[in-house]
Amino acid sequence: YISVTGYTYNPGKLSFRKSMTADQYRDFLIYMAD
């Protein structure tokens, strides 16, 4: 969630998300936030 715009982003959800476990994607989301 980007607080200034109110936009919620799910990176890779439509492409490589399917190739990751739930924990891997959770880790990737934290990485992307950073």
PDB file of all heavy atoms in Angstrom:
ATOM      1  N   TYR A   1       0.848  -1.190   0.000  1.00  0.00           N
ATOM      2  CA  TYR A   1       0.000   0.000   0.000  1.00  0.00           C
ATOM      3  C   TYR A   1       0.884   1.240   0.000  1.00  0.00           C
ATOM      4  O   TYR A   1       1.773   1.364   0.841  1.00  0.00           O
ATOM      5  CB  TYR A   1      -0.896  -0.029   1.242  1.00  0.00           C
ATOM      6  CG  TYR A   1      -1.746   1.192   1.439  1.00  0.00           C
ATOM      7  CD1 TYR A   1      -2.917   1.373   0.708  1.00  0.00           C
ATOM      8  CD2 TYR A   1      -1.389   2.164   2.363  1.00  0.00           C
ATOM      9  CE1 TYR A   1      -3.710   2.488   0.902  1.00  0.00           C
ATOM     10  CE2 TYR A   1      -2.175   3.288   2.560  1.00  0.00           C
ATOM     11  CZ  TYR A   1      -3.334   3.443   1.822  1.00  0.00           C
ATOM     12  OH  TYR A   1      -4.114   4.553   2.007  1.00  0.00           O
ATOM     13  N   ILE A   2       0.652   2.143  -0.943  1.00  0.00           N
ATOM     14  CA  ILE A   2       1.402   3.397  -1.009  1.00  0.00           C
ATOM     15  C   ILE A   2       0.548   4.460  -0.323  1.00  0.00           C
ATOM     16  O   ILE A   2      -0.511   4.839  -0.829  1.00  0.00           O
ATOM     17  CB  ILE A   2       1.719   3.792  -2.463  1.00  0.00           C
ATOM     18  CG1 ILE A   2       2.366   2.624  -3.227  1.00  0.00           C
ATOM     19  CG2 ILE A   2       2.578   5.047  -2.506  1.00  0.00           C
ATOM     20  CD1 ILE A   2       3.641   2.075  -2.625  1.00  0.00           C
ATOM     21  N   SER A   3       0.982   4.936   0.837  1.00  0.00           N
ATOM     22  CA  SER A   3       0.126   5.769   1.690  1.00  0.00           C
ATOM     23  C   SER A   3      -0.283   7.091   1.044  1.00  0.00           C
ATOM     24  O   SER A   3      -1.398   7.550   1.258  1.00  0.00           O
ATOM     25  CB  SER A   3       0.792   6.031   3.040  1.00  0.00           C
ATOM     26  OG  SER A   3       1.882   6.911   2.916  1.00  0.00           O
ATOM     27  N   VAL A   4       0.583   7.705   0.255  1.00  0.00           N
ATOM     28  CA  VAL A   4       0.264   9.018  -0.313  1.00  0.00           C
ATOM     29  C   VAL A   4      -0.826   8.911  -1.381  1.00  0.00           C
ATOM     30  O   VAL A   4      -1.703   9.740  -1.465  1.00  0.00           O
ATOM     31  CB  VAL A   4       1.532   9.689  -0.888  1.00  0.00           C
ATOM     32  CG1 VAL A   4       1.203  10.969  -1.626  1.00  0.00           C
ATOM     33  CG2 VAL A   4       2.512   9.970   0.243  1.00  0.00           C
ATOM     34  N   THR A   5      -0.767   7.854  -2.186  1.00  0.00           N
ATOM     35  CA  THR A   5      -1.721   7.711  -3.293  1.00  0.00           C
ATOM     36  C   THR A   5      -2.910   6.831  -2.947  1.00  0.00           C
ATOM     37  O   THR A   5      -3.930   6.883  -3.628  1.00  0.00           O
ATOM     38  CB  THR A   5      -1.024   7.111  -4.522  1.00  0.00           C
ATOM     39  OG1 THR A   5      -0.563   5.794  -4.197  1.00  0.00           O
ATOM     40  CG2 THR A   5       0.131   7.977  -4.994  1.00  0.00           C
ATOM     41  N   GLY A   6      -2.759   5.990  -1.935  1.00  0.00           N
ATOM     42  CA  GLY A   6      -3.817   5.043  -1.602  1.00  0.00           C
ATOM     43  C   GLY A   6      -3.856   3.846  -2.534  1.00  0.00           C
ATOM     44  O   GLY A   6      -4.795   3.057  -2.527  1.00  0.00           O
ATOM     45  N   TYR A   7      -2.820   3.657  -3.332  1.00  0.00           N
ATOM     46  CA  TYR A   7      -2.760   2.576  -4.310  1.00  0.00           C
ATOM     47  C   TYR A   7      -2.192   1.316  -3.671  1.00  0.00           C
ATOM     48  O   TYR A   7      -1.225   1.379  -2.922  1.00  0.00           O
ATOM     49  CB  TYR A   7      -1.877   3.011  -5.491  1.00  0.00           C
ATOM     50  CG  TYR A   7      -1.749   1.987  -6.578  1.00  0.00           C
ATOM     51  CD1 TYR A   7      -2.762   1.782  -7.501  1.00  0.00           C
ATOM     52  CD2 TYR A   7      -0.606   1.207  -6.688  1.00  0.00           C
ATOM     53  CE1 TYR A   7      -2.654   0.839  -8.503  1.00  0.00           C
ATOM     54  CE2 TYR A   7      -0.473   0.263  -7.686  1.00  0.00           C
ATOM     55  CZ  TYR A   7      -1.495   0.083  -8.591  1.00  0.00           C
ATOM     56  OH  TYR A   7      -1.374  -0.862  -9.577  1.00  0.00           O
ATOM     57  N   THR A   8      -2.782   0.160  -3.988  1.00  0.00           N
ATOM     58  CA  THR A   8      -2.251  -1.119  -3.530  1.00  0.00           C
ATOM     59  C   THR A   8      -1.633  -1.841  -4.718  1.00  0.00           C
ATOM     60  O   THR A   8      -2.271  -2.003  -5.753  1.00  0.00           O
ATOM     61  CB  THR A   8      -3.347  -1.993  -2.895  1.00  0.00           C
ATOM     62  OG1 THR A   8      -3.901  -1.278  -1.778  1.00  0.00           O
ATOM     63  CG2 THR A   8      -2.786  -3.312  -2.401  1.00  0.00           C
ATOM     64  N   TYR A   9      -0.409  -2.278  -4.556  1.00  0.00           N
ATOM     65  CA  TYR A   9       0.374  -2.889  -5.621  1.00  0.00           C
ATOM     66  C   TYR A   9       0.702  -4.325  -5.255  1.00  0.00           C
ATOM     67  O   TYR A   9       1.105  -4.616  -4.140  1.00  0.00           O
ATOM     68  CB  TYR A   9       1.649  -2.054  -5.807  1.00  0.00           C
ATOM     69  CG  TYR A   9       2.642  -2.561  -6.811  1.00  0.00           C
ATOM     70  CD1 TYR A   9       2.245  -3.008  -8.070  1.00  0.00           C
ATOM     71  CD2 TYR A   9       3.994  -2.566  -6.518  1.00  0.00           C
ATOM     72  CE1 TYR A   9       3.173  -3.449  -8.997  1.00  0.00           C
ATOM     73  CE2 TYR A   9       4.936  -2.998  -7.434  1.00  0.00           C
ATOM     74  CZ  TYR A   9       4.521  -3.451  -8.673  1.00  0.00           C
ATOM     75  OH  TYR A   9       5.440  -3.884  -9.587  1.00  0.00           O
ATOM     76  N   ASN A  10       0.533  -5.232  -6.218  1.00  0.00           N
ATOM     77  CA  ASN A  10       0.890  -6.642  -6.060  1.00  0.00           C
ATOM     78  C   ASN A  10       1.885  -7.005  -7.156  1.00  0.00           C
ATOM     79  O   ASN A  10       1.484  -7.508  -8.208  1.00  0.00           O
ATOM     80  CB  ASN A  10      -0.358  -7.530  -6.144  1.00  0.00           C
ATOM     81  CG  ASN A  10      -1.194  -7.417  -4.913  1.00  0.00           C
ATOM     82  OD1 ASN A  10      -0.809  -7.879  -3.861  1.00  0.00           O
ATOM     83  ND2 ASN A  10      -2.350  -6.783  -5.039  1.00  0.00           N
ATOM     84  N   PRO A  11       3.168  -6.764  -6.942  1.00  0.00           N
ATOM     85  CA  PRO A  11       4.164  -6.979  -7.993  1.00  0.00           C
ATOM     86  C   PRO A  11       4.263  -8.437  -8.436  1.00  0.00           C
ATOM     87  O   PRO A  11       4.315  -9.340  -7.613  1.00  0.00           O
ATOM     88  CB  PRO A  11       5.474  -6.527  -7.338  1.00  0.00           C
ATOM     89  CG  PRO A  11       5.230  -6.578  -5.877  1.00  0.00           C
ATOM     90  CD  PRO A  11       3.768  -6.332  -5.678  1.00  0.00           C
ATOM     91  N   GLY A  12       4.253  -8.630  -9.751  1.00  0.00           N
ATOM     92  CA  GLY A  12       4.413  -9.967 -10.315  1.00  0.00           C
ATOM     93  C   GLY A  12       3.217 -10.876 -10.184  1.00  0.00           C
ATOM     94  O   GLY A  12       3.291 -12.053 -10.522  1.00  0.00           O
ATOM     95  N   LYS A  13       2.106 -10.367  -9.695  1.00  0.00           N
ATOM     96  CA  LYS A  13       0.936 -11.216  -9.441  1.00  0.00           C
ATOM     97  C   LYS A  13       0.459 -11.928 -10.708  1.00  0.00           C
ATOM     98  O   LYS A  13       0.033 -13.074 -10.650  1.00  0.00           O
ATOM     99  CB  LYS A  13      -0.194 -10.388  -8.845  1.00  0.00           C
ATOM    100  CG  LYS A  13      -1.383 -11.216  -8.405  1.00  0.00           C
ATOM    101  CD  LYS A  13      -2.422 -10.377  -7.723  1.00  0.00           C
ATOM    102  CE  LYS A  13      -3.564 -11.265  -7.242  1.00  0.00           C
ATOM    103  NZ  LYS A  13      -4.561 -10.495  -6.519  1.00  0.00           N
ATOM    104  N   LEU A  14       0.545 -11.251 -11.841  1.00  0.00           N
ATOM    105  CA  LEU A  14       0.056 -11.831 -13.093  1.00  0.00           C
ATOM    106  C   LEU A  14       1.139 -12.574 -13.868  1.00  0.00           C
ATOM    107  O   LEU A  14       0.841 -13.225 -14.862  1.00  0.00           O
ATOM    108  CB  LEU A  14      -0.553 -10.739 -13.972  1.00  0.00           C
ATOM    109  CG  LEU A  14      -1.729  -9.985 -13.362  1.00  0.00           C
ATOM    110  CD1 LEU A  14      -2.192  -8.875 -14.288  1.00  0.00           C
ATOM    111  CD2 LEU A  14      -2.872 -10.932 -13.040  1.00  0.00           C
ATOM    112  N   SER A  15       2.375 -12.502 -13.429  1.00  0.00           N
ATOM    113  CA  SER A  15       3.432 -13.171 -14.182  1.00  0.00           C
ATOM    114  C   SER A  15       4.125 -14.256 -13.362  1.00  0.00           C
ATOM    115  O   SER A  15       3.714 -15.408 -13.395  1.00  0.00           O
ATOM    116  CB  SER A  15       4.427 -12.147 -14.721  1.00  0.00           C
ATOM    117  OG  SER A  15       4.914 -11.326 -13.690  1.00  0.00           O
ATOM    118  N   PHE A  16       5.117 -13.915 -12.576  1.00  0.00           N
ATOM    119  CA  PHE A  16       5.924 -14.934 -11.906  1.00  0.00           C
ATOM    120  C   PHE A  16       5.390 -15.380 -10.553  1.00  0.00           C
ATOM    121  O   PHE A  16       5.918 -16.308  -9.961  1.00  0.00           O
ATOM    122  CB  PHE A  16       7.378 -14.464 -11.757  1.00  0.00           C
ATOM    123  CG  PHE A  16       7.530 -13.102 -11.163  1.00  0.00           C
ATOM    124  CD1 PHE A  16       7.451 -12.915  -9.807  1.00  0.00           C
ATOM    125  CD2 PHE A  16       7.765 -12.004 -11.976  1.00  0.00           C
ATOM    126  CE1 PHE A  16       7.594 -11.657  -9.255  1.00  0.00           C
ATOM    127  CE2 PHE A  16       7.920 -10.748 -11.437  1.00  0.00           C
ATOM    128  CZ  PHE A  16       7.832 -10.573 -10.067  1.00  0.00           C
ATOM    129  N   ARG A  17       4.346 -14.777 -10.038  1.00  0.00           N
ATOM    130  CA  ARG A  17       3.780 -15.148  -8.730  1.00  0.00           C
ATOM    131  C   ARG A  17       3.438 -16.637  -8.678  1.00  0.00           C
ATOM    132  O   ARG A  17       3.637 -17.312  -7.678  1.00  0.00           O
ATOM    133  CB  ARG A  17       2.544 -14.281  -8.434  1.00  0.00           C
ATOM    134  CG  ARG A  17       1.617 -14.771  -7.324  1.00  0.00           C
ATOM    135  CD  ARG A  17       2.337 -14.828  -5.991  1.00  0.00           C
ATOM    136  NE  ARG A  17       1.507 -15.348  -4.932  1.00  0.00           N
ATOM    137  CZ  ARG A  17       1.636 -16.554  -4.402  1.00  0.00           C
ATOM    138  NH1 ARG A  17       2.545 -17.388  -4.836  1.00  0.00           N
ATOM    139  NH2 ARG A  17       0.881 -16.935  -3.398  1.00  0.00           N
ATOM    140  N   LYS A  18       2.944 -17.174  -9.788  1.00  0.00           N
ATOM    141  CA  LYS A  18       2.518 -18.588  -9.832  1.00  0.00           C
ATOM    142  C   LYS A  18       3.680 -19.554  -9.618  1.00  0.00           C
ATOM    143  O   LYS A  18       3.471 -20.680  -9.201  1.00  0.00           O
ATOM    144  CB  LYS A  18       1.843 -18.870 -11.171  1.00  0.00           C
ATOM    145  CG  LYS A  18       0.582 -18.059 -11.397  1.00  0.00           C
ATOM    146  CD  LYS A  18       0.042 -18.287 -12.808  1.00  0.00           C
ATOM    147  CE  LYS A  18      -0.974 -17.238 -13.129  1.00  0.00           C
ATOM    148  NZ  LYS A  18      -0.496 -16.226 -14.060  1.00  0.00           N
ATOM    149  N   SER A  19       4.896 -19.103  -9.892  1.00  0.00           N
ATOM    150  CA  SER A  19       6.060 -19.981  -9.753  1.00  0.00           C
ATOM    151  C   SER A  19       6.662 -19.940  -8.348  1.00  0.00           C
ATOM    152  O   SER A  19       7.667 -20.593  -8.098  1.00  0.00           O
ATOM    153  CB  SER A  19       7.122 -19.591 -10.780  1.00  0.00           C
ATOM    154  OG  SER A  19       7.648 -18.312 -10.477  1.00  0.00           O
ATOM    155  N   MET A  20       6.050 -19.193  -7.432  1.00  0.00           N
ATOM    156  CA  MET A  20       6.602 -19.027  -6.089  1.00  0.00           C
ATOM    157  C   MET A  20       5.676 -19.643  -5.042  1.00  0.00           C
ATOM    158  O   MET A  20       4.464 -19.670  -5.220  1.00  0.00           O
ATOM    159  CB  MET A  20       6.768 -17.530  -5.782  1.00  0.00           C
ATOM    160  CG  MET A  20       7.631 -16.780  -6.752  1.00  0.00           C
ATOM    161  SD  MET A  20       7.566 -14.994  -6.490  1.00  0.00           S
ATOM    162  CE  MET A  20       8.739 -14.823  -5.170  1.00  0.00           C
ATOM    163  N   THR A  21       6.272 -20.095  -3.946  1.00  0.00           N
ATOM    164  CA  THR A  21       5.451 -20.528  -2.812  1.00  0.00           C
ATOM    165  C   THR A  21       4.894 -19.285  -2.133  1.00  0.00           C
ATOM    166  O   THR A  21       5.362 -18.165  -2.381  1.00  0.00           O
ATOM    167  CB  THR A  21       6.286 -21.323  -1.788  1.00  0.00           C
ATOM    168  OG1 THR A  21       7.235 -20.435  -1.183  1.00  0.00           O
ATOM    169  CG2 THR A  21       6.994 -22.514  -2.425  1.00  0.00           C
ATOM    170  N   ALA A  22       3.934 -19.467  -1.256  1.00  0.00           N
ATOM    171  CA  ALA A  22       3.352 -18.339  -0.522  1.00  0.00           C
ATOM    172  C   ALA A  22       4.424 -17.617   0.292  1.00  0.00           C
ATOM    173  O   ALA A  22       4.456 -16.379   0.331  1.00  0.00           O
ATOM    174  CB  ALA A  22       2.215 -18.808   0.376  1.00  0.00           C
ATOM    175  N   ASP A  23       5.328 -18.362   0.941  1.00  0.00           N
ATOM    176  CA  ASP A  23       6.398 -17.742   1.724  1.00  0.00           C
ATOM    177  C   ASP A  23       7.378 -16.979   0.848  1.00  0.00           C
ATOM    178  O   ASP A  23       7.838 -15.898   1.219  1.00  0.00           O
ATOM    179  CB  ASP A  23       7.152 -18.789   2.553  1.00  0.00           C
ATOM    180  CG  ASP A  23       6.379 -19.233   3.778  1.00  0.00           C
ATOM    181  OD1 ASP A  23       5.407 -18.552   4.165  1.00  0.00           O
ATOM    182  OD2 ASP A  23       6.750 -20.278   4.356  1.00  0.00           O
ATOM    183  N   GLN A  24       7.706 -17.531  -0.318  1.00  0.00           N
ATOM    184  CA  GLN A  24       8.612 -16.828  -1.229  1.00  0.00           C
ATOM    185  C   GLN A  24       7.991 -15.520  -1.695  1.00  0.00           C
ATOM    186  O   GLN A  24       8.671 -14.498  -1.737  1.00  0.00           O
ATOM    187  CB  GLN A  24       8.941 -17.700  -2.446  1.00  0.00           C
ATOM    188  CG  GLN A  24       9.862 -18.847  -2.142  1.00  0.00           C
ATOM    189  CD  GLN A  24       9.966 -19.807  -3.309  1.00  0.00           C
ATOM    190  OE1 GLN A  24       9.012 -20.040  -4.052  1.00  0.00           O
ATOM    191  NE2 GLN A  24      11.148 -20.401  -3.463  1.00  0.00           N
ATOM    192  N   TYR A  25       6.706 -15.555  -2.026  1.00  0.00           N
ATOM    193  CA  TYR A  25       6.057 -14.330  -2.496  1.00  0.00           C
ATOM    194  C   TYR A  25       5.957 -13.306  -1.364  1.00  0.00           C
ATOM    195  O   TYR A  25       6.166 -12.110  -1.580  1.00  0.00           O
ATOM    196  CB  TYR A  25       4.672 -14.622  -3.084  1.00  0.00           C
ATOM    197  CG  TYR A  25       4.056 -13.413  -3.760  1.00  0.00           C
ATOM    198  CD1 TYR A  25       4.672 -12.831  -4.862  1.00  0.00           C
ATOM    199  CD2 TYR A  25       2.888 -12.857  -3.287  1.00  0.00           C
ATOM    200  CE1 TYR A  25       4.120 -11.707  -5.482  1.00  0.00           C
ATOM    201  CE2 TYR A  25       2.328 -11.734  -3.908  1.00  0.00           C
ATOM    202  CZ  TYR A  25       2.953 -11.166  -5.000  1.00  0.00           C
ATOM    203  OH  TYR A  25       2.409 -10.061  -5.608  1.00  0.00           O
ATOM    204  N   ARG A  26       5.688 -13.769  -0.159  1.00  0.00           N
ATOM    205  CA  ARG A  26       5.645 -12.868   1.001  1.00  0.00           C
ATOM    206  C   ARG A  26       7.009 -12.199   1.194  1.00  0.00           C
ATOM    207  O   ARG A  26       7.102 -10.988   1.408  1.00  0.00           O
ATOM    208  CB  ARG A  26       5.242 -13.683   2.241  1.00  0.00           C
ATOM    209  CG  ARG A  26       4.754 -12.893   3.405  1.00  0.00           C
ATOM    210  CD  ARG A  26       3.997 -13.753   4.409  1.00  0.00           C
ATOM    211  NE  ARG A  26       4.603 -15.033   4.712  1.00  0.00           N
ATOM    212  CZ  ARG A  26       5.389 -15.270   5.751  1.00  0.00           C
ATOM    213  NH1 ARG A  26       5.659 -14.310   6.604  1.00  0.00           N
ATOM    214  NH2 ARG A  26       5.892 -16.462   5.958  1.00  0.00           N
ATOM    215  N   ASP A  27       8.074 -12.975   1.078  1.00  0.00           N
ATOM    216  CA  ASP A  27       9.431 -12.449   1.186  1.00  0.00           C
ATOM    217  C   ASP A  27       9.708 -11.449   0.065  1.00  0.00           C
ATOM    218  O   ASP A  27      10.289 -10.387   0.298  1.00  0.00           O
ATOM    219  CB  ASP A  27      10.442 -13.606   1.130  1.00  0.00           C
ATOM    220  CG  ASP A  27      11.846 -13.213   1.529  1.00  0.00           C
ATOM    221  OD1 ASP A  27      12.020 -12.703   2.656  1.00  0.00           O
ATOM    222  OD2 ASP A  27      12.772 -13.429   0.723  1.00  0.00           O
ATOM    223  N   PHE A  28       9.259 -11.764  -1.146  1.00  0.00           N
ATOM    224  CA  PHE A  28       9.450 -10.864  -2.282  1.00  0.00           C
ATOM    225  C   PHE A  28       8.680  -9.555  -2.081  1.00  0.00           C
ATOM    226  O   PHE A  28       9.189  -8.478  -2.414  1.00  0.00           O
ATOM    227  CB  PHE A  28       9.008 -11.547  -3.584  1.00  0.00           C
ATOM    228  CG  PHE A  28       9.134 -10.659  -4.791  1.00  0.00           C
ATOM    229  CD1 PHE A  28      10.383 -10.240  -5.242  1.00  0.00           C
ATOM    230  CD2 PHE A  28       8.004 -10.224  -5.459  1.00  0.00           C
ATOM    231  CE1 PHE A  28      10.500  -9.410  -6.349  1.00  0.00           C
ATOM    232  CE2 PHE A  28       8.110  -9.391  -6.567  1.00  0.00           C
ATOM    233  CZ  PHE A  28       9.360  -8.979  -7.020  1.00  0.00           C
ATOM    234  N   LEU A  29       7.481  -9.613  -1.521  1.00  0.00           N
ATOM    235  CA  LEU A  29       6.721  -8.398  -1.257  1.00  0.00           C
ATOM    236  C   LEU A  29       7.460  -7.479  -0.275  1.00  0.00           C
ATOM    237  O   LEU A  29       7.497  -6.261  -0.446  1.00  0.00           O
ATOM    238  CB  LEU A  29       5.326  -8.725  -0.730  1.00  0.00           C
ATOM    239  CG  LEU A  29       4.332  -9.262  -1.755  1.00  0.00           C
ATOM    240  CD1 LEU A  29       3.048  -9.717  -1.065  1.00  0.00           C
ATOM    241  CD2 LEU A  29       4.025  -8.232  -2.819  1.00  0.00           C
ATOM    242  N   ILE A  30       8.051  -8.069   0.752  1.00  0.00           N
ATOM    243  CA  ILE A  30       8.823  -7.275   1.716  1.00  0.00           C
ATOM    244  C   ILE A  30      10.026  -6.647   1.006  1.00  0.00           C
ATOM    245  O   ILE A  30      10.324  -5.460   1.184  1.00  0.00           O
ATOM    246  CB  ILE A  30       9.260  -8.135   2.926  1.00  0.00           C
ATOM    247  CG1 ILE A  30       8.030  -8.640   3.695  1.00  0.00           C
ATOM    248  CG2 ILE A  30      10.196  -7.352   3.841  1.00  0.00           C
ATOM    249  CD1 ILE A  30       8.328  -9.704   4.736  1.00  0.00           C
ATOM    250  N   TYR A  31      10.693  -7.438   0.193  1.00  0.00           N
ATOM    251  CA  TYR A  31      11.828  -6.938  -0.591  1.00  0.00           C
ATOM    252  C   TYR A  31      11.401  -5.763  -1.463  1.00  0.00           C
ATOM    253  O   TYR A  31      12.066  -4.727  -1.514  1.00  0.00           O
ATOM    254  CB  TYR A  31      12.391  -8.078  -1.446  1.00  0.00           C
ATOM    255  CG  TYR A  31      13.439  -7.664  -2.441  1.00  0.00           C
ATOM    256  CD1 TYR A  31      14.760  -7.495  -2.050  1.00  0.00           C
ATOM    257  CD2 TYR A  31      13.116  -7.453  -3.781  1.00  0.00           C
ATOM    258  CE1 TYR A  31      15.738  -7.114  -2.966  1.00  0.00           C
ATOM    259  CE2 TYR A  31      14.077  -7.074  -4.695  1.00  0.00           C
ATOM    260  CZ  TYR A  31      15.381  -6.905  -4.292  1.00  0.00           C
ATOM    261  OH  TYR A  31      16.342  -6.528  -5.193  1.00  0.00           O
ATOM    262  N   MET A  32      10.273  -5.913  -2.153  1.00  0.00           N
ATOM    263  CA  MET A  32       9.801  -4.851  -3.042  1.00  0.00           C
ATOM    264  C   MET A  32       9.410  -3.592  -2.274  1.00  0.00           C
ATOM    265  O   MET A  32       9.646  -2.478  -2.746  1.00  0.00           O
ATOM    266  CB  MET A  32       8.636  -5.350  -3.905  1.00  0.00           C
ATOM    267  CG  MET A  32       9.065  -6.228  -5.060  1.00  0.00           C
ATOM    268  SD  MET A  32      10.271  -5.453  -6.180  1.00  0.00           S
ATOM    269  CE  MET A  32       9.321  -4.071  -6.819  1.00  0.00           C
ATOM    270  N   ALA A  33       8.833  -3.750  -1.101  1.00  0.00           N
ATOM    271  CA  ALA A  33       8.501  -2.576  -0.283  1.00  0.00           C
ATOM    272  C   ALA A  33       9.772  -1.795   0.041  1.00  0.00           C
ATOM    273  O   ALA A  33       9.800  -0.561  -0.048  1.00  0.00           O
ATOM    274  CB  ALA A  33       7.779  -2.998   0.991  1.00  0.00           C
ATOM    275  N   ASP A  34      10.841  -2.512   0.371  1.00  0.00           N
ATOM    276  CA  ASP A  34      12.113  -1.857   0.664  1.00  0.00           C
ATOM    277  C   ASP A  34      12.678  -1.182  -0.582  1.00  0.00           C
ATOM    278  O   ASP A  34      13.208  -0.071  -0.509  1.00  0.00           O
ATOM    279  CB  ASP A  34      13.103  -2.877   1.227  1.00  0.00           C
ATOM    280  CG  ASP A  34      14.362  -2.227   1.770  1.00  0.00           C
ATOM    281  OD1 ASP A  34      14.256  -1.203   2.479  1.00  0.00           O
ATOM    282  OD2 ASP A  34      15.460  -2.740   1.484  1.00  0.00           O
TER     283      ASP A  34
END
